[in-house]
């Protein structure tokens, strides 16, 4: 459902219903291949969730701490490393629904509505006893502005403030997933209980991922297929391998010959993987040179764990880009503004000329009356002069109204 600002304003109940997508989790941890360190961190997260009542109930910590009783997790890492699948797997393990936040619906053009939407998604999670999932969470939990000269800056800061408050008071499970952890506001660090780094899979994991993407009995494979060679040759993510498998199948099935004799061969997998790698190179193009986008994204994702803070330069570049867009928009509107000013000036000149002609006509009429009349006509002359003066005043008022309309 597309974002509808008028619905947001007049029908808040319909707006809140569209903020989240309720997913009945089907995928489990058996459906994702993870590096050992990531899997251990997820196992520890599950222990925290399952022992939550013991920790805050029987051990009494809930009586000493009014806030921070929920479990907030940050899944950070490159795209395609299994963050979304693992969020669904956690909900599946807990036997709960997964509420996926819809960012297209969360953001509103009306002041204050986006912050209300953030509060509404947490209320929905409490009402449905569900796991709340913010995918690409840096879009809503980004660093707050230090200066608030513009309205959008104040609005963005208000949204982050509300999100921080809701996380602090939420007693359930909320998962944030991001490819750019460095973009998070620093205040989230202490409010998120566990940060889990989703690393790129190694050769052993990649080999397993290649195998799990194919049907064990139905997918026809040629004898030369070597998944170990593919795993060692291409350091790809699970998402990239999935795309390559689908591309390879499409390449194989599109070749000439009877369908019943077609098979996916090693060359098909390699061609598909080369295509995926080439697509990454296209997407990494930027104003600052080839590969700058990937390097900046990787550095930003790793900054919280490496201690390298590249956020300052990134923030400055982002602010500069925003200012350039504003300047371009302003320059684009200048010719139209000049034309409108010229048209207004021409209209004012025309009105002034008409007013001047009217004054001259009234003066001529008054003079003629003074010459041809006397005695009792003087009173009528004064009456006519009064009417003329009133007409002049009304004409001046009309011109002033036209200028300031």
Protein backbone atom coordinates (compact mmCIF):
# COMPACT_ATOMS: atom_id res chain seq x y z
CA UNK A 1 0.00 0.00 0.00
CA UNK A 2 1.47 3.36 -1.02
CA UNK A 3 2.02 6.16 1.44
CA UNK A 4 -1.06 8.40 1.53
CA UNK A 5 -0.57 11.71 3.39
CA UNK A 6 -4.29 12.53 3.43
CA UNK A 7 -5.08 9.15 4.96
CA UNK A 8 -2.35 9.83 7.56
CA UNK A 9 -4.03 13.12 8.47
CA UNK A 10 -7.70 12.15 8.51
CA UNK A 11 -7.71 8.37 9.10
CA UNK A 12 -4.99 7.54 11.67
CA UNK A 13 -6.45 4.09 12.36
CA UNK A 14 -6.00 3.04 8.72
CA UNK A 15 -2.49 4.50 8.78
CA UNK A 16 -1.47 2.45 11.83
CA UNK A 17 -2.85 -0.74 10.31
CA UNK A 18 -0.55 -0.34 7.31
CA UNK A 19 2.65 0.38 9.27
CA UNK A 20 3.69 -3.23 9.75
CA UNK A 21 3.46 -6.48 7.84
CA UNK A 22 2.65 -9.52 9.98
CA UNK A 23 4.68 -12.53 8.86
CA UNK A 24 4.05 -16.08 10.04
CA UNK A 25 7.68 -17.28 10.29
CA UNK A 26 8.49 -20.44 8.34
CA UNK A 27 12.27 -20.28 7.98
CA UNK A 28 14.49 -21.59 10.76
CA UNK A 29 18.19 -21.55 11.51
CA UNK A 30 18.45 -24.73 9.42
CA UNK A 31 17.67 -22.59 6.36
CA UNK A 32 20.70 -20.31 6.72
CA UNK A 33 24.43 -21.08 6.64
CA UNK A 34 26.40 -18.81 8.96
CA UNK A 35 30.03 -18.44 10.03
CA UNK A 36 30.68 -20.09 13.42
CA UNK A 37 31.16 -16.76 15.27
CA UNK A 38 27.83 -15.40 14.03
CA UNK A 39 26.02 -18.61 14.91
CA UNK A 40 27.46 -18.60 18.44
CA UNK A 41 26.31 -14.99 18.95
CA UNK A 42 22.80 -15.92 17.78
CA UNK A 43 22.70 -18.93 20.11
CA UNK A 44 23.61 -16.65 23.00
CA UNK A 45 20.86 -14.24 21.94
CA UNK A 46 18.32 -17.06 22.03
CA UNK A 47 19.47 -17.99 25.54
CA UNK A 48 18.89 -14.39 26.65
CA UNK A 49 15.39 -14.46 25.22
CA UNK A 50 14.41 -17.80 26.71
CA UNK A 51 15.83 -16.94 30.15
CA UNK A 52 14.33 -13.47 30.19
CA UNK A 53 11.69 -14.30 32.83
CA UNK A 54 14.27 -16.00 35.03
CA UNK A 55 16.59 -12.99 34.85
CA UNK A 56 14.05 -10.25 35.54
CA UNK A 57 11.50 -12.28 37.49
CA UNK A 58 12.99 -14.92 39.77
CA UNK A 59 16.33 -13.15 40.05
CA UNK A 60 14.57 -9.90 40.89
CA UNK A 61 16.35 -7.59 38.46
CA UNK A 62 13.00 -6.37 37.16
CA UNK A 63 12.32 -4.87 40.61
CA UNK A 64 15.52 -2.85 40.44
CA UNK A 65 15.23 -1.68 36.83
CA UNK A 66 12.12 0.07 35.53
CA UNK A 67 13.36 0.36 31.94
CA UNK A 68 15.48 -1.69 29.61
CA UNK A 69 13.59 -4.89 30.36
CA UNK A 70 13.16 -5.78 26.71
CA UNK A 71 15.63 -7.45 24.38
CA UNK A 72 16.93 -5.30 21.53
CA UNK A 73 19.31 -6.80 19.00
CA UNK A 74 21.35 -5.18 16.25
CA UNK A 75 22.12 -7.38 13.24
CA UNK A 76 24.85 -5.58 11.28
CA UNK A 77 26.74 -6.70 8.23
CA UNK A 78 26.95 -6.63 4.43
CA UNK A 79 23.85 -7.34 2.31
CA UNK A 80 22.96 -10.97 1.70
CA UNK A 81 24.53 -12.38 4.86
CA UNK A 82 21.30 -13.73 6.39
CA UNK A 83 20.10 -10.96 8.70
CA UNK A 84 16.46 -11.08 7.59
CA UNK A 85 16.31 -14.90 7.62
CA UNK A 86 17.73 -14.96 11.16
CA UNK A 87 15.14 -12.45 12.37
CA UNK A 88 12.44 -14.76 11.04
CA UNK A 89 14.22 -17.76 12.58
CA UNK A 90 14.22 -16.12 16.01
CA UNK A 91 10.48 -15.45 15.78
CA UNK A 92 9.98 -19.06 14.68
CA UNK A 93 12.00 -20.35 17.63
CA UNK A 94 9.87 -18.28 20.02
CA UNK A 95 6.58 -19.33 18.37
CA UNK A 96 5.64 -15.70 17.67
CA UNK A 97 4.71 -13.63 14.65
CA UNK A 98 7.24 -11.32 13.05
CA UNK A 99 6.09 -7.73 12.54
CA UNK A 100 8.16 -6.19 9.72
CA UNK A 101 8.12 -2.39 9.75
CA UNK A 102 7.18 -0.80 6.42
CA UNK A 103 9.31 2.30 5.95
CA UNK A 104 7.24 3.56 3.02
CA UNK A 105 4.32 3.82 5.45
CA UNK A 106 6.31 4.87 8.51
CA UNK A 107 7.49 8.20 7.10
CA UNK A 108 4.94 10.96 6.68
CA UNK A 109 5.14 14.47 5.26
CA UNK A 110 3.08 15.82 8.17
CA UNK A 111 5.02 17.17 11.15
CA UNK A 112 4.87 14.85 14.14
CA UNK A 113 3.14 11.96 12.34
CA UNK A 114 6.31 9.92 11.71
CA UNK A 115 7.13 9.95 15.43
CA UNK A 116 3.57 8.82 16.19
CA UNK A 117 3.98 6.01 13.66
CA UNK A 118 7.12 4.81 15.46
CA UNK A 119 5.22 4.65 18.74
CA UNK A 120 2.34 2.85 16.98
CA UNK A 121 4.51 -0.02 15.69
CA UNK A 122 5.80 -0.72 19.20
CA UNK A 123 2.22 -0.67 20.50
CA UNK A 124 1.25 -3.16 17.77
CA UNK A 125 4.08 -5.48 18.82
CA UNK A 126 2.90 -5.37 22.44
CA UNK A 127 -0.72 -5.97 21.45
CA UNK A 128 0.11 -8.95 19.21
CA UNK A 129 2.96 -10.31 21.40
CA UNK A 130 5.16 -10.36 18.32
CA UNK A 131 8.81 -9.88 17.46
CA UNK A 132 9.34 -6.42 15.97
CA UNK A 133 11.77 -6.19 13.05
CA UNK A 134 13.28 -2.97 11.63
CA UNK A 135 15.08 -3.87 8.39
CA UNK A 136 17.57 -1.28 7.11
CA UNK A 137 17.10 0.39 10.47
CA UNK A 138 19.69 3.11 9.90
CA UNK A 139 17.03 4.87 7.80
CA UNK A 140 15.02 5.68 10.94
CA UNK A 141 17.71 5.44 13.67
CA UNK A 142 20.32 7.65 11.99
CA UNK A 143 22.52 10.13 13.82
CA UNK A 144 20.70 13.19 15.14
CA UNK A 145 21.49 16.63 13.75
CA UNK A 146 23.56 18.92 15.94
CA UNK A 147 22.06 22.04 14.35
CA UNK A 148 18.36 22.35 13.64
CA UNK A 149 18.03 25.25 11.22
CA UNK A 150 15.57 23.40 8.99
CA UNK A 151 12.23 21.82 9.81
CA UNK A 152 13.24 18.40 8.50
CA UNK A 153 16.19 18.37 10.93
CA UNK A 154 13.92 18.96 13.92
CA UNK A 155 11.51 16.30 12.64
CA UNK A 156 14.30 13.72 12.17
CA UNK A 157 15.64 14.37 15.68
CA UNK A 158 12.16 14.01 17.14
CA UNK A 159 11.73 10.63 15.43
CA UNK A 160 15.02 9.34 16.85
CA UNK A 161 14.11 10.61 20.32
CA UNK A 162 10.78 8.76 20.22
CA UNK A 163 12.48 5.59 18.93
CA UNK A 164 15.01 5.70 21.79
CA UNK A 165 12.22 6.13 24.32
CA UNK A 166 10.17 3.27 22.88
CA UNK A 167 13.16 0.90 22.83
CA UNK A 168 13.89 1.80 26.45
CA UNK A 169 10.33 1.04 27.61
CA UNK A 170 9.60 -1.94 25.30
CA UNK A 171 9.45 -5.26 27.16
CA UNK A 172 9.50 -7.55 24.13
CA UNK A 173 11.98 -8.52 21.42
CA UNK A 174 12.97 -5.95 18.80
CA UNK A 175 15.56 -6.57 16.08
CA UNK A 176 17.32 -3.87 14.09
CA UNK A 177 19.10 -4.89 10.89
CA UNK A 178 21.46 -2.63 8.98
CA UNK A 179 24.18 -2.62 6.34
CA UNK A 180 25.54 0.67 7.73
CA UNK A 181 25.88 0.38 11.50
CA UNK A 182 28.04 3.53 11.63
CA UNK A 183 24.97 5.58 10.68
CA UNK A 184 23.20 4.65 13.93
CA UNK A 185 22.82 7.37 16.53
CA UNK A 186 25.39 6.65 19.31
CA UNK A 187 22.63 6.61 21.93
CA UNK A 188 21.43 3.26 20.56
CA UNK A 189 24.63 1.54 21.66
CA UNK A 190 23.59 1.22 25.29
CA UNK A 191 19.91 0.62 24.54
CA UNK A 192 20.58 -2.35 22.27
CA UNK A 193 21.42 -5.36 24.40
CA UNK A 194 23.38 -7.38 21.83
CA UNK A 195 25.22 -6.41 18.66
CA UNK A 196 25.80 -9.28 16.25
CA UNK A 197 28.13 -8.92 13.30
CA UNK A 198 27.05 -10.90 10.24
CA UNK A 199 30.34 -11.60 8.52
CA UNK A 200 30.82 -12.73 4.95
CA UNK A 201 30.79 -16.56 4.75
CA UNK A 202 34.08 -18.41 4.35
CA UNK A 203 34.79 -21.11 1.74
CA UNK A 204 33.25 -23.90 3.86
CA UNK A 205 30.05 -21.93 4.42
CA UNK A 206 29.88 -20.85 0.78
CA UNK A 207 30.13 -24.46 -0.40
CA UNK A 208 27.19 -25.40 1.82
CA UNK A 209 25.21 -22.40 0.58
CA UNK A 210 25.78 -23.43 -3.06
CA UNK A 211 24.44 -26.90 -2.31
CA UNK A 212 21.41 -25.77 -0.30
CA UNK A 213 20.22 -23.46 -3.09
CA UNK A 214 19.50 -26.45 -5.36
CA UNK A 215 16.94 -29.24 -5.08
CA UNK A 216 18.72 -32.45 -4.14
CA UNK A 217 16.66 -34.63 -6.52
CA UNK A 218 14.96 -32.43 -9.11
CA UNK A 219 17.66 -29.97 -10.21
CA UNK A 220 19.62 -31.48 -13.15
CA UNK A 221 23.36 -30.94 -12.68
CA UNK A 222 26.14 -31.78 -15.11
CA UNK A 223 28.99 -34.04 -13.96
CA UNK A 224 31.53 -31.21 -14.07
CA UNK A 225 29.83 -29.13 -11.36
CA UNK A 226 32.32 -28.46 -8.53
CA UNK A 227 30.83 -26.45 -5.67
CA UNK A 228 34.15 -26.35 -3.81
CA UNK A 229 35.81 -24.62 -6.75
CA UNK A 230 32.97 -22.10 -6.91
CA UNK A 231 33.22 -21.46 -3.17
CA UNK A 232 36.96 -20.83 -3.30
CA UNK A 233 36.88 -18.78 -6.50
CA UNK A 234 34.06 -16.38 -5.58
CA UNK A 235 34.03 -14.75 -2.09
CA UNK A 236 30.32 -13.99 -2.33
CA UNK A 237 27.51 -13.57 0.18
CA UNK A 238 24.61 -15.96 0.51
CA UNK A 239 22.35 -13.52 -1.33
CA UNK A 240 24.80 -13.31 -4.24
CA UNK A 241 25.02 -17.10 -4.44
CA UNK A 242 21.24 -17.35 -4.52
CA UNK A 243 21.09 -14.88 -7.42
CA UNK A 244 23.86 -16.74 -9.26
CA UNK A 245 22.04 -20.08 -8.94
CA UNK A 246 18.88 -18.60 -10.43
CA UNK A 247 20.84 -16.90 -13.23
CA UNK A 248 22.71 -20.13 -14.00
CA UNK A 249 19.45 -22.07 -14.27
CA UNK A 250 18.02 -19.43 -16.60
CA UNK A 251 21.13 -19.53 -18.80
CA UNK A 252 21.03 -23.33 -19.01
CA UNK A 253 17.35 -23.57 -19.78
CA UNK A 254 17.62 -20.88 -22.46
CA UNK A 255 20.13 -22.82 -24.56
CA UNK A 256 18.89 -24.65 -27.68
CA UNK A 257 17.90 -28.29 -27.48
CA UNK A 258 15.21 -30.44 -25.87
CA UNK A 259 14.39 -29.43 -22.31
CA UNK A 260 14.61 -32.98 -20.98
CA UNK A 261 18.32 -33.10 -21.84
CA UNK A 262 19.29 -29.72 -20.41
CA UNK A 263 21.52 -29.53 -17.33
CA UNK A 264 23.21 -26.82 -15.28
CA UNK A 265 26.95 -27.09 -15.86
CA UNK A 266 29.95 -25.50 -14.15
CA UNK A 267 30.24 -22.93 -16.95
CA UNK A 268 26.69 -21.80 -16.29
CA UNK A 269 27.43 -21.20 -12.59
CA UNK A 270 30.65 -19.37 -13.40
CA UNK A 271 28.99 -17.16 -16.03
CA UNK A 272 26.20 -16.33 -13.61
CA UNK A 273 28.64 -15.51 -10.80
CA UNK A 274 30.68 -13.30 -13.12
CA UNK A 275 27.47 -11.49 -13.98
CA UNK A 276 26.70 -10.92 -10.29
CA UNK A 277 30.21 -9.56 -9.68
CA UNK A 278 29.90 -7.25 -12.70
CA UNK A 279 26.60 -5.95 -11.37
CA UNK A 280 28.34 -5.04 -8.08
CA UNK A 281 30.95 -3.06 -9.99
CA UNK A 282 28.21 -1.11 -11.77
CA UNK A 283 26.46 -0.32 -8.49
CA UNK A 284 29.72 0.76 -6.85
CA UNK A 285 30.31 3.60 -9.31
CA UNK A 286 30.35 7.04 -7.66
CA UNK A 287 31.55 10.59 -8.14
CA UNK A 288 34.68 9.73 -6.18
CA UNK A 289 35.87 6.88 -8.40
CA UNK A 290 35.17 3.22 -9.05
CA UNK A 291 34.73 1.17 -5.93
CA UNK A 292 34.37 4.16 -3.63
CA UNK A 293 30.79 3.22 -2.78
CA UNK A 294 31.68 -0.34 -1.75
CA UNK A 295 34.71 0.80 0.23
CA UNK A 296 32.73 3.45 2.07
CA UNK A 297 29.89 1.00 2.82
CA UNK A 298 32.27 -1.69 4.10
CA UNK A 299 34.17 0.81 6.27
CA UNK A 300 30.93 2.16 7.71
CA UNK A 301 29.62 -1.34 8.50
CA UNK A 302 32.86 -2.36 10.24
CA UNK A 303 33.49 0.90 12.12
CA UNK A 304 31.75 -0.10 15.41
CA UNK A 305 33.94 -3.21 15.69
CA UNK A 306 37.24 -1.93 14.27
CA UNK A 307 37.23 1.35 16.19
CA UNK A 308 37.83 3.29 12.97
CA UNK A 309 35.52 6.24 12.81
CA UNK A 310 34.92 7.35 9.24
CA UNK A 311 31.54 8.81 10.11
CA UNK A 312 32.75 12.41 10.25
CA UNK A 313 33.83 12.56 6.63
CA UNK A 314 30.72 10.66 5.53
CA UNK A 315 28.48 13.08 7.45
CA UNK A 316 30.24 16.08 5.91
CA UNK A 317 29.94 14.63 2.41
CA UNK A 318 26.28 13.86 3.00
CA UNK A 319 25.61 17.38 4.27
CA UNK A 320 27.51 18.85 1.31
CA UNK A 321 25.48 16.76 -1.13
CA UNK A 322 22.25 17.92 0.49
CA UNK A 323 23.33 21.54 0.27
CA UNK A 324 24.29 21.13 -3.40
CA UNK A 325 20.83 19.74 -4.15
CA UNK A 326 19.22 22.69 -2.36
CA UNK A 327 21.38 25.17 -4.32
CA UNK A 328 20.54 23.45 -7.62
CA UNK A 329 16.83 23.58 -6.80
CA UNK A 330 17.10 27.27 -5.91
CA UNK A 331 18.99 28.11 -9.12
CA UNK A 332 16.44 26.18 -11.17
CA UNK A 333 13.63 28.28 -9.76
CA UNK A 334 15.36 31.67 -10.31
CA UNK A 335 14.28 32.20 -13.98
CA UNK A 336 10.65 31.55 -13.12
CA UNK A 337 10.83 33.96 -10.19
CA UNK A 338 12.35 36.67 -12.39
CA UNK A 339 9.58 36.21 -14.96
CA UNK A 340 6.94 36.51 -12.25
CA UNK A 341 8.56 39.71 -10.92
CA UNK A 342 8.74 41.22 -14.43
CA UNK A 343 5.08 40.40 -15.04
CA UNK A 344 4.09 41.93 -11.70
CA UNK A 345 6.05 45.11 -12.46
CA UNK A 346 4.42 45.45 -15.90
CA UNK A 347 1.00 45.03 -14.32
CA UNK A 348 1.78 47.69 -11.71
CA UNK A 349 2.94 50.13 -14.41
CA UNK A 350 -0.26 49.54 -16.39
CA UNK A 351 -2.41 50.13 -13.30
CA UNK A 352 -0.52 53.34 -12.44
CA UNK A 353 -0.97 54.67 -15.98
CA UNK A 354 -4.69 53.93 -15.82
CA UNK A 355 -4.91 55.69 -12.44
CA UNK A 356 -3.04 58.71 -13.83
CA UNK A 357 -5.44 58.95 -16.77
CA UNK A 358 -8.39 58.75 -14.39
CA UNK A 359 -6.99 61.60 -12.29
CA UNK A 360 -6.44 63.77 -15.37
CA UNK A 361 -10.01 63.11 -16.53
CA UNK A 362 -11.40 64.09 -13.13
CA UNK A 363 -9.30 67.27 -13.11
CA UNK A 364 -10.56 68.24 -16.56
CA UNK A 365 -14.16 67.62 -15.58
CA UNK A 366 -13.78 69.67 -12.42
CA UNK A 367 -12.20 72.59 -14.28
CA UNK A 368 -14.99 72.61 -16.86
CA UNK A 369 -17.62 72.71 -14.16
CA UNK A 370 -15.86 75.64 -12.47
CA UNK A 371 -15.91 77.63 -15.72
CA UNK A 372 -19.50 77.07 -16.82
CA UNK A 373 -21.22 77.14 -13.45
CA UNK A 374 -21.78 79.66 -10.68
CA UNK A 375 -24.05 80.38 -7.70
CA UNK A 376 -26.16 77.34 -6.84
CA UNK A 377 -23.93 75.11 -8.88
CA UNK A 378 -21.07 75.52 -6.38
CA UNK A 379 -22.71 73.14 -3.94
CA UNK A 380 -23.19 70.55 -6.70
CA UNK A 381 -19.59 71.11 -7.77
CA UNK A 382 -18.35 70.36 -4.30
CA UNK A 383 -20.46 67.20 -4.31
CA UNK A 384 -18.97 66.12 -7.66
CA UNK A 385 -15.45 66.87 -6.39
CA UNK A 386 -16.12 64.76 -3.31
CA UNK A 387 -17.27 61.86 -5.47
CA UNK A 388 -14.16 62.23 -7.64
CA UNK A 389 -11.89 62.17 -4.60
CA UNK A 390 -13.65 59.07 -3.30
CA UNK A 391 -13.19 57.38 -6.69
CA UNK A 392 -9.48 58.19 -6.60
CA UNK A 393 -9.14 56.73 -3.08
CA UNK A 394 -10.94 53.53 -4.11
CA UNK A 395 -8.69 53.24 -7.19
CA UNK A 396 -5.55 53.57 -5.02
CA UNK A 397 -6.88 50.91 -2.62
CA UNK A 398 -7.56 48.57 -5.54
CA UNK A 399 -4.01 48.98 -6.82
CA UNK A 400 -2.56 48.32 -3.34
CA UNK A 401 -4.68 45.17 -2.96
CA UNK A 402 -3.49 43.92 -6.36
CA UNK A 403 0.17 44.51 -5.45
CA UNK A 404 0.03 42.63 -2.14
CA UNK A 405 -2.33 39.82 -3.22
